[in-house]
Amino acid sequence: MALLIFTQQLGRFMTVPQVETRAGDLRCALDAAFAEHPRLRGYVLDEQGHLRENVVIFIDGQRSRERQILNDALAPDSKVYILQALSGG
């Protein structure tokens, strides 16, 4: 099963889960995570269901570039890291 790992930057807002899923793509995997942890949705996706500007996702070490459809394929053993990008100076 693919593993979704929400990194600790979200920890200041809520308990940060790890979610296992059999989803074949990123959108379905995120939907599975949001079904279990509905509060996560607002921190990861905007009102249109697109990835928020301050969120970055890595799938098996590769940054996901698709921010709207979120149709990146997942392998059965994929590791998906969802994190808030840090900004400032």
PDB file of N, CA and C in Angstrom:
ATOM      1  N   MET A   1       0.826  -1.188   0.000  1.00  0.00           N
ATOM      2  CA  MET A   1       0.000   0.000   0.000  1.00  0.00           C
ATOM      3  C   MET A   1       0.869   1.250   0.000  1.00  0.00           C
ATOM      4  N   ALA A   2       0.401   2.266  -0.693  1.00  0.00           N
ATOM      5  CA  ALA A   2       1.095   3.559  -0.692  1.00  0.00           C
ATOM      6  C   ALA A   2       0.931   4.200   0.680  1.00  0.00           C
ATOM      7  N   LEU A   3       1.923   4.950   1.078  1.00  0.00           N
ATOM      8  CA  LEU A   3       1.914   5.612   2.384  1.00  0.00           C
ATOM      9  C   LEU A   3       1.978   7.121   2.184  1.00  0.00           C
ATOM     10  N   LEU A   4       1.002   7.832   2.734  1.00  0.00           N
ATOM     11  CA  LEU A   4       0.997   9.294   2.716  1.00  0.00           C
ATOM     12  C   LEU A   4       1.505   9.775   4.060  1.00  0.00           C
ATOM     13  N   ILE A   5       2.510  10.636   4.015  1.00  0.00           N
ATOM     14  CA  ILE A   5       3.141  11.152   5.227  1.00  0.00           C
ATOM     15  C   ILE A   5       2.975  12.666   5.227  1.00  0.00           C
ATOM     16  N   PHE A   6       2.221  13.154   6.181  1.00  0.00           N
ATOM     17  CA  PHE A   6       2.028  14.592   6.345  1.00  0.00           C
ATOM     18  C   PHE A   6       3.089  15.055   7.330  1.00  0.00           C
ATOM     19  N   THR A   7       3.974  15.926   6.876  1.00  0.00           N
ATOM     20  CA  THR A   7       5.129  16.302   7.679  1.00  0.00           C
ATOM     21  C   THR A   7       4.747  17.216   8.839  1.00  0.00           C
ATOM     22  N   GLN A   8       5.676  17.398   9.739  1.00  0.00           N
ATOM     23  CA  GLN A   8       5.420  18.045  11.013  1.00  0.00           C
ATOM     24  C   GLN A   8       5.065  19.521  10.935  1.00  0.00           C
ATOM     25  N   GLN A   9       5.250  20.177   9.799  1.00  0.00           N
ATOM     26  CA  GLN A   9       4.843  21.571   9.710  1.00  0.00           C
ATOM     27  C   GLN A   9       3.356  21.719  10.016  1.00  0.00           C
ATOM     28  N   LEU A  10       2.563  20.716   9.669  1.00  0.00           N
ATOM     29  CA  LEU A  10       1.130  20.753   9.969  1.00  0.00           C
ATOM     30  C   LEU A  10       0.851  20.443  11.432  1.00  0.00           C
ATOM     31  N   GLY A  11       1.844  19.970  12.153  1.00  0.00           N
ATOM     32  CA  GLY A  11       1.665  19.569  13.540  1.00  0.00           C
ATOM     33  C   GLY A  11       1.234  20.691  14.469  1.00  0.00           C
ATOM     34  N   ARG A  12       1.505  21.921  14.083  1.00  0.00           N
ATOM     35  CA  ARG A  12       1.075  23.027  14.940  1.00  0.00           C
ATOM     36  C   ARG A  12      -0.429  23.256  14.842  1.00  0.00           C
ATOM     37  N   PHE A  13      -1.086  22.668  13.832  1.00  0.00           N
ATOM     38  CA  PHE A  13      -2.515  22.847  13.634  1.00  0.00           C
ATOM     39  C   PHE A  13      -3.340  21.635  14.070  1.00  0.00           C
ATOM     40  N   MET A  14      -2.752  20.439  14.016  1.00  0.00           N
ATOM     41  CA  MET A  14      -3.503  19.208  14.284  1.00  0.00           C
ATOM     42  C   MET A  14      -2.541  18.042  14.439  1.00  0.00           C
ATOM     43  N   THR A  15      -3.060  16.918  14.887  1.00  0.00           N
ATOM     44  CA  THR A  15      -2.275  15.691  14.918  1.00  0.00           C
ATOM     45  C   THR A  15      -1.953  15.308  13.474  1.00  0.00           C
ATOM     46  N   VAL A  16      -0.702  14.994  13.220  1.00  0.00           N
ATOM     47  CA  VAL A  16      -0.260  14.723  11.854  1.00  0.00           C
ATOM     48  C   VAL A  16      -0.290  13.209  11.608  1.00  0.00           C
ATOM     49  N   PRO A  17      -1.171  12.777  10.694  1.00  0.00           N
ATOM     50  CA  PRO A  17      -1.311  11.333  10.460  1.00  0.00           C
ATOM     51  C   PRO A  17      -0.381  10.813   9.371  1.00  0.00           C
ATOM     52  N   GLN A  18      -0.257   9.506   9.354  1.00  0.00           N
ATOM     53  CA  GLN A  18       0.263   8.787   8.203  1.00  0.00           C
ATOM     54  C   GLN A  18      -0.886   7.914   7.735  1.00  0.00           C
ATOM     55  N   VAL A  19      -1.135   7.901   6.443  1.00  0.00           N
ATOM     56  CA  VAL A  19      -2.295   7.202   5.899  1.00  0.00           C
ATOM     57  C   VAL A  19      -1.826   6.191   4.862  1.00  0.00           C
ATOM     58  N   GLU A  20      -2.266   4.952   5.013  1.00  0.00           N
ATOM     59  CA  GLU A  20      -2.005   3.927   4.008  1.00  0.00           C
ATOM     60  C   GLU A  20      -3.211   3.838   3.088  1.00  0.00           C
ATOM     61  N   THR A  21      -2.941   3.683   1.787  1.00  0.00           N
ATOM     62  CA  THR A  21      -4.035   3.621   0.820  1.00  0.00           C
ATOM     63  C   THR A  21      -3.650   2.733  -0.360  1.00  0.00           C
ATOM     64  N   ARG A  22      -4.647   2.180  -0.976  1.00  0.00           N
ATOM     65  CA  ARG A  22      -4.451   1.400  -2.204  1.00  0.00           C
ATOM     66  C   ARG A  22      -4.741   2.244  -3.447  1.00  0.00           C
ATOM     67  N   ALA A  23      -4.906   3.539  -3.282  1.00  0.00           N
ATOM     68  CA  ALA A  23      -5.233   4.433  -4.401  1.00  0.00           C
ATOM     69  C   ALA A  23      -4.156   4.369  -5.480  1.00  0.00           C
ATOM     70  N   GLY A  24      -4.583   4.494  -6.720  1.00  0.00           N
ATOM     71  CA  GLY A  24      -3.660   4.424  -7.841  1.00  0.00           C
ATOM     72  C   GLY A  24      -3.113   5.765  -8.280  1.00  0.00           C
ATOM     73  N   ASP A  25      -3.700   6.866  -7.764  1.00  0.00           N
ATOM     74  CA  ASP A  25      -3.178   8.182  -8.111  1.00  0.00           C
ATOM     75  C   ASP A  25      -3.266   9.110  -6.903  1.00  0.00           C
ATOM     76  N   LEU A  26      -2.601  10.236  -7.028  1.00  0.00           N
ATOM     77  CA  LEU A  26      -2.474  11.161  -5.908  1.00  0.00           C
ATOM     78  C   LEU A  26      -3.821  11.705  -5.455  1.00  0.00           C
ATOM     79  N   ARG A  27      -4.694  12.102  -6.385  1.00  0.00           N
ATOM     80  CA  ARG A  27      -5.999  12.656  -6.018  1.00  0.00           C
ATOM     81  C   ARG A  27      -6.803  11.661  -5.175  1.00  0.00           C
ATOM     82  N   CYS A  28      -6.860  10.413  -5.604  1.00  0.00           N
ATOM     83  CA  CYS A  28      -7.607   9.396  -4.858  1.00  0.00           C
ATOM     84  C   CYS A  28      -6.971   9.135  -3.491  1.00  0.00           C
ATOM     85  N   ALA A  29      -5.653   9.170  -3.442  1.00  0.00           N
ATOM     86  CA  ALA A  29      -4.958   8.965  -2.162  1.00  0.00           C
ATOM     87  C   ALA A  29      -5.269  10.108  -1.194  1.00  0.00           C
ATOM     88  N   LEU A  30      -5.229  11.344  -1.697  1.00  0.00           N
ATOM     89  CA  LEU A  30      -5.559  12.482  -0.842  1.00  0.00           C
ATOM     90  C   LEU A  30      -7.016  12.414  -0.389  1.00  0.00           C
ATOM     91  N   ASP A  31      -7.922  12.040  -1.279  1.00  0.00           N
ATOM     92  CA  ASP A  31      -9.330  11.905  -0.902  1.00  0.00           C
ATOM     93  C   ASP A  31      -9.503  10.879   0.216  1.00  0.00           C
ATOM     94  N   ALA A  32      -8.751   9.776   0.146  1.00  0.00           N
ATOM     95  CA  ALA A  32      -8.810   8.768   1.207  1.00  0.00           C
ATOM     96  C   ALA A  32      -8.316   9.347   2.530  1.00  0.00           C
ATOM     97  N   ALA A  33      -7.238  10.127   2.481  1.00  0.00           N
ATOM     98  CA  ALA A  33      -6.709  10.747   3.695  1.00  0.00           C
ATOM     99  C   ALA A  33      -7.709  11.745   4.271  1.00  0.00           C
ATOM    100  N   PHE A  34      -8.349  12.534   3.402  1.00  0.00           N
ATOM    101  CA  PHE A  34      -9.308  13.537   3.875  1.00  0.00           C
ATOM    102  C   PHE A  34     -10.570  12.883   4.432  1.00  0.00           C
ATOM    103  N   ALA A  35     -10.933  11.718   3.924  1.00  0.00           N
ATOM    104  CA  ALA A  35     -12.091  11.003   4.468  1.00  0.00           C
ATOM    105  C   ALA A  35     -11.835  10.603   5.917  1.00  0.00           C
ATOM    106  N   GLU A  36     -10.598  10.232   6.224  1.00  0.00           N
ATOM    107  CA  GLU A  36     -10.223   9.851   7.597  1.00  0.00           C
ATOM    108  C   GLU A  36      -9.922  11.061   8.467  1.00  0.00           C
ATOM    109  N   HIS A  37      -9.394  12.128   7.863  1.00  0.00           N
ATOM    110  CA  HIS A  37      -8.937  13.323   8.600  1.00  0.00           C
ATOM    111  C   HIS A  37      -9.423  14.573   7.865  1.00  0.00           C
ATOM    112  N   PRO A  38     -10.711  14.909   7.986  1.00  0.00           N
ATOM    113  CA  PRO A  38     -11.295  15.990   7.190  1.00  0.00           C
ATOM    114  C   PRO A  38     -10.625  17.354   7.377  1.00  0.00           C
ATOM    115  N   ARG A  39     -10.083  17.644   8.539  1.00  0.00           N
ATOM    116  CA  ARG A  39      -9.452  18.949   8.774  1.00  0.00           C
ATOM    117  C   ARG A  39      -8.230  19.179   7.895  1.00  0.00           C
ATOM    118  N   LEU A  40      -7.589  18.115   7.446  1.00  0.00           N
ATOM    119  CA  LEU A  40      -6.405  18.250   6.596  1.00  0.00           C
ATOM    120  C   LEU A  40      -6.710  18.930   5.265  1.00  0.00           C
ATOM    121  N   ARG A  41      -7.892  18.697   4.748  1.00  0.00           N
ATOM    122  CA  ARG A  41      -8.242  19.179   3.409  1.00  0.00           C
ATOM    123  C   ARG A  41      -7.964  20.681   3.245  1.00  0.00           C
ATOM    124  N   GLY A  42      -8.411  21.482   4.180  1.00  0.00           N
ATOM    125  CA  GLY A  42      -8.244  22.925   4.082  1.00  0.00           C
ATOM    126  C   GLY A  42      -6.803  23.395   4.146  1.00  0.00           C
ATOM    127  N   TYR A  43      -5.926  22.602   4.725  1.00  0.00           N
ATOM    128  CA  TYR A  43      -4.509  22.964   4.785  1.00  0.00           C
ATOM    129  C   TYR A  43      -3.761  22.549   3.524  1.00  0.00           C
ATOM    130  N   VAL A  44      -4.313  21.576   2.787  1.00  0.00           N
ATOM    131  CA  VAL A  44      -3.626  21.036   1.611  1.00  0.00           C
ATOM    132  C   VAL A  44      -4.213  21.576   0.306  1.00  0.00           C
ATOM    133  N   LEU A  45      -5.544  21.645   0.230  1.00  0.00           N
ATOM    134  CA  LEU A  45      -6.215  22.070  -0.997  1.00  0.00           C
ATOM    135  C   LEU A  45      -6.933  23.398  -0.800  1.00  0.00           C
ATOM    136  N   ASP A  46      -7.043  24.166  -1.887  1.00  0.00           N
ATOM    137  CA  ASP A  46      -7.790  25.419  -1.816  1.00  0.00           C
ATOM    138  C   ASP A  46      -9.271  25.151  -2.115  1.00  0.00           C
ATOM    139  N   GLU A  47     -10.055  26.209  -2.251  1.00  0.00           N
ATOM    140  CA  GLU A  47     -11.498  26.085  -2.445  1.00  0.00           C
ATOM    141  C   GLU A  47     -11.864  25.416  -3.769  1.00  0.00           C
ATOM    142  N   GLN A  48     -10.975  25.458  -4.758  1.00  0.00           N
ATOM    143  CA  GLN A  48     -11.218  24.811  -6.046  1.00  0.00           C
ATOM    144  C   GLN A  48     -10.716  23.365  -6.069  1.00  0.00           C
ATOM    145  N   GLY A  49     -10.157  22.893  -4.977  1.00  0.00           N
ATOM    146  CA  GLY A  49      -9.625  21.536  -4.934  1.00  0.00           C
ATOM    147  C   GLY A  49      -8.230  21.410  -5.505  1.00  0.00           C
ATOM    148  N   HIS A  50      -7.553  22.541  -5.717  1.00  0.00           N
ATOM    149  CA  HIS A  50      -6.181  22.541  -6.224  1.00  0.00           C
ATOM    150  C   HIS A  50      -5.213  22.612  -5.044  1.00  0.00           C
ATOM    151  N   LEU A  51      -4.013  22.147  -5.274  1.00  0.00           N
ATOM    152  CA  LEU A  51      -2.987  22.200  -4.236  1.00  0.00           C
ATOM    153  C   LEU A  51      -2.697  23.649  -3.858  1.00  0.00           C
ATOM    154  N   ARG A  52      -2.672  23.933  -2.578  1.00  0.00           N
ATOM    155  CA  ARG A  52      -2.378  25.289  -2.128  1.00  0.00           C
ATOM    156  C   ARG A  52      -0.957  25.674  -2.541  1.00  0.00           C
ATOM    157  N   GLU A  53      -0.748  26.965  -2.740  1.00  0.00           N
ATOM    158  CA  GLU A  53       0.546  27.479  -3.175  1.00  0.00           C
ATOM    159  C   GLU A  53       1.679  27.119  -2.207  1.00  0.00           C
ATOM    160  N   ASN A  54       1.365  27.056  -0.916  1.00  0.00           N
ATOM    161  CA  ASN A  54       2.398  26.799   0.087  1.00  0.00           C
ATOM    162  C   ASN A  54       2.575  25.320   0.412  1.00  0.00           C
ATOM    163  N   VAL A  55       1.994  24.431  -0.392  1.00  0.00           N
ATOM    164  CA  VAL A  55       2.113  22.994  -0.158  1.00  0.00           C
ATOM    165  C   VAL A  55       2.904  22.364  -1.291  1.00  0.00           C
ATOM    166  N   VAL A  56       3.803  21.466  -0.921  1.00  0.00           N
ATOM    167  CA  VAL A  56       4.631  20.736  -1.884  1.00  0.00           C
ATOM    168  C   VAL A  56       4.444  19.246  -1.604  1.00  0.00           C
ATOM    169  N   ILE A  57       4.381  18.456  -2.664  1.00  0.00           N
ATOM    170  CA  ILE A  57       4.226  17.009  -2.530  1.00  0.00           C
ATOM    171  C   ILE A  57       5.362  16.319  -3.275  1.00  0.00           C
ATOM    172  N   PHE A  58       5.967  15.349  -2.609  1.00  0.00           N
ATOM    173  CA  PHE A  58       6.991  14.504  -3.212  1.00  0.00           C
ATOM    174  C   PHE A  58       6.482  13.074  -3.242  1.00  0.00           C
ATOM    175  N   ILE A  59       6.612  12.443  -4.400  1.00  0.00           N
ATOM    176  CA  ILE A  59       6.220  11.051  -4.577  1.00  0.00           C
ATOM    177  C   ILE A  59       7.473  10.267  -4.910  1.00  0.00           C
ATOM    178  N   ASP A  60       7.842   9.366  -4.020  1.00  0.00           N
ATOM    179  CA  ASP A  60       9.043   8.549  -4.221  1.00  0.00           C
ATOM    180  C   ASP A  60      10.256   9.409  -4.564  1.00  0.00           C
ATOM    181  N   GLY A  61      10.388  10.523  -3.857  1.00  0.00           N
ATOM    182  CA  GLY A  61      11.551  11.394  -4.017  1.00  0.00           C
ATOM    183  C   GLY A  61      11.461  12.402  -5.145  1.00  0.00           C
ATOM    184  N   GLN A  62      10.403  12.370  -5.939  1.00  0.00           N
ATOM    185  CA  GLN A  62      10.237  13.295  -7.065  1.00  0.00           C
ATOM    186  C   GLN A  62       9.119  14.288  -6.751  1.00  0.00           C
ATOM    187  N   ARG A  63       9.407  15.565  -6.966  1.00  0.00           N
ATOM    188  CA  ARG A  63       8.399  16.589  -6.698  1.00  0.00           C
ATOM    189  C   ARG A  63       7.258  16.501  -7.707  1.00  0.00           C
ATOM    190  N   SER A  64       6.042  16.508  -7.201  1.00  0.00           N
ATOM    191  CA  SER A  64       4.861  16.544  -8.054  1.00  0.00           C
ATOM    192  C   SER A  64       4.725  17.948  -8.623  1.00  0.00           C
ATOM    193  N   ARG A  65       4.606  18.070  -9.927  1.00  0.00           N
ATOM    194  CA  ARG A  65       4.478  19.373 -10.583  1.00  0.00           C
ATOM    195  C   ARG A  65       3.016  19.704 -10.905  1.00  0.00           C
ATOM    196  N   GLU A  66       2.171  18.708 -10.962  1.00  0.00           N
ATOM    197  CA  GLU A  66       0.775  18.891 -11.321  1.00  0.00           C
ATOM    198  C   GLU A  66       0.009  19.335 -10.074  1.00  0.00           C
ATOM    199  N   ARG A  67      -0.496  20.570 -10.055  1.00  0.00           N
ATOM    200  CA  ARG A  67      -1.088  21.149  -8.855  1.00  0.00           C
ATOM    201  C   ARG A  67      -2.611  21.240  -8.916  1.00  0.00           C
ATOM    202  N   GLN A  68      -3.227  20.906 -10.049  1.00  0.00           N
ATOM    203  CA  GLN A  68      -4.675  21.046 -10.162  1.00  0.00           C
ATOM    204  C   GLN A  68      -5.378  19.700 -10.249  1.00  0.00           C
ATOM    205  N   ILE A  69      -5.002  18.894 -11.206  1.00  0.00           N
ATOM    206  CA  ILE A  69      -5.672  17.604 -11.388  1.00  0.00           C
ATOM    207  C   ILE A  69      -5.178  16.594 -10.353  1.00  0.00           C
ATOM    208  N   LEU A  70      -3.907  16.682 -10.001  1.00  0.00           N
ATOM    209  CA  LEU A  70      -3.288  15.789  -9.004  1.00  0.00           C
ATOM    210  C   LEU A  70      -3.411  14.325  -9.414  1.00  0.00           C
ATOM    211  N   ASN A  71      -3.129  14.066 -10.686  1.00  0.00           N
ATOM    212  CA  ASN A  71      -3.284  12.710 -11.210  1.00  0.00           C
ATOM    213  C   ASN A  71      -1.982  11.929 -11.300  1.00  0.00           C
ATOM    214  N   ASP A  72      -0.958  12.339 -10.544  1.00  0.00           N
ATOM    215  CA  ASP A  72       0.298  11.574 -10.526  1.00  0.00           C
ATOM    216  C   ASP A  72       0.010  10.129 -10.126  1.00  0.00           C
ATOM    217  N   ALA A  73       0.591   9.192 -10.865  1.00  0.00           N
ATOM    218  CA  ALA A  73       0.396   7.766 -10.566  1.00  0.00           C
ATOM    219  C   ALA A  73       1.154   7.376  -9.307  1.00  0.00           C
ATOM    220  N   LEU A  74       0.568   6.471  -8.549  1.00  0.00           N
ATOM    221  CA  LEU A  74       1.216   5.914  -7.367  1.00  0.00           C
ATOM    222  C   LEU A  74       1.434   4.425  -7.565  1.00  0.00           C
ATOM    223  N   ALA A  75       2.600   3.950  -7.175  1.00  0.00           N
ATOM    224  CA  ALA A  75       2.876   2.519  -7.162  1.00  0.00           C
ATOM    225  C   ALA A  75       2.347   1.957  -5.847  1.00  0.00           C
ATOM    226  N   PRO A  76       2.146   0.646  -5.773  1.00  0.00           N
ATOM    227  CA  PRO A  76       1.645   0.057  -4.526  1.00  0.00           C
ATOM    228  C   PRO A  76       2.527   0.350  -3.308  1.00  0.00           C
ATOM    229  N   ASP A  77       3.814   0.589  -3.538  1.00  0.00           N
ATOM    230  CA  ASP A  77       4.720   0.835  -2.401  1.00  0.00           C
ATOM    231  C   ASP A  77       5.217   2.288  -2.354  1.00  0.00           C
ATOM    232  N   SER A  78       4.501   3.205  -3.006  1.00  0.00           N
ATOM    233  CA  SER A  78       4.927   4.608  -3.041  1.00  0.00           C
ATOM    234  C   SER A  78       4.919   5.231  -1.655  1.00  0.00           C
ATOM    235  N   LYS A  79       5.847   6.165  -1.462  1.00  0.00           N
ATOM    236  CA  LYS A  79       5.861   7.014  -0.278  1.00  0.00           C
ATOM    237  C   LYS A  79       5.607   8.442  -0.760  1.00  0.00           C
ATOM    238  N   VAL A  80       4.582   9.053  -0.191  1.00  0.00           N
ATOM    239  CA  VAL A  80       4.150  10.383  -0.589  1.00  0.00           C
ATOM    240  C   VAL A  80       4.314  11.306   0.614  1.00  0.00           C
ATOM    241  N   TYR A  81       5.117  12.347   0.450  1.00  0.00           N
ATOM    242  CA  TYR A  81       5.329  13.328   1.513  1.00  0.00           C
ATOM    243  C   TYR A  81       4.585  14.599   1.155  1.00  0.00           C
ATOM    244  N   ILE A  82       3.745  15.056   2.055  1.00  0.00           N
ATOM    245  CA  ILE A  82       2.978  16.277   1.882  1.00  0.00           C
ATOM    246  C   ILE A  82       3.482  17.267   2.914  1.00  0.00           C
ATOM    247  N   LEU A  83       4.008  18.409   2.438  1.00  0.00           N
ATOM    248  CA  LEU A  83       4.564  19.372   3.385  1.00  0.00           C
ATOM    249  C   LEU A  83       4.253  20.781   2.975  1.00  0.00           C
ATOM    250  N   GLN A  84       4.251  21.664   3.958  1.00  0.00           N
ATOM    251  CA  GLN A  84       4.095  23.066   3.686  1.00  0.00           C
ATOM    252  C   GLN A  84       5.467  23.621   3.356  1.00  0.00           C
ATOM    253  N   ALA A  85       5.541  24.342   2.240  1.00  0.00           N
ATOM    254  CA  ALA A  85       6.803  24.969   1.859  1.00  0.00           C
ATOM    255  C   ALA A  85       7.100  26.103   2.838  1.00  0.00           C
ATOM    256  N   LEU A  86       8.344  26.259   3.189  1.00  0.00           N
ATOM    257  CA  LEU A  86       8.749  27.327   4.098  1.00  0.00           C
ATOM    258  C   LEU A  86       9.134  28.540   3.264  1.00  0.00           C
ATOM    259  N   SER A  87       8.742  29.694   3.736  1.00  0.00           N
ATOM    260  CA  SER A  87       9.084  30.926   3.029  1.00  0.00           C
ATOM    261  C   SER A  87       9.503  31.968   4.040  1.00  0.00           C
ATOM    262  N   GLY A  88       9.990  33.049   3.548  1.00  0.00           N
ATOM    263  CA  GLY A  88      10.436  34.117   4.432  1.00  0.00           C
ATOM    264  C   GLY A  88      11.876  34.450   4.137  1.00  0.00           C
ATOM    265  N   GLY A  89      12.417  35.357   4.920  1.00  0.00           N
ATOM    266  CA  GLY A  89      13.783  35.719   4.593  1.00  0.00           C
ATOM    267  C   GLY A  89      14.537  36.283   5.738  1.00  0.00           C
TER     268      GLY A  89
END
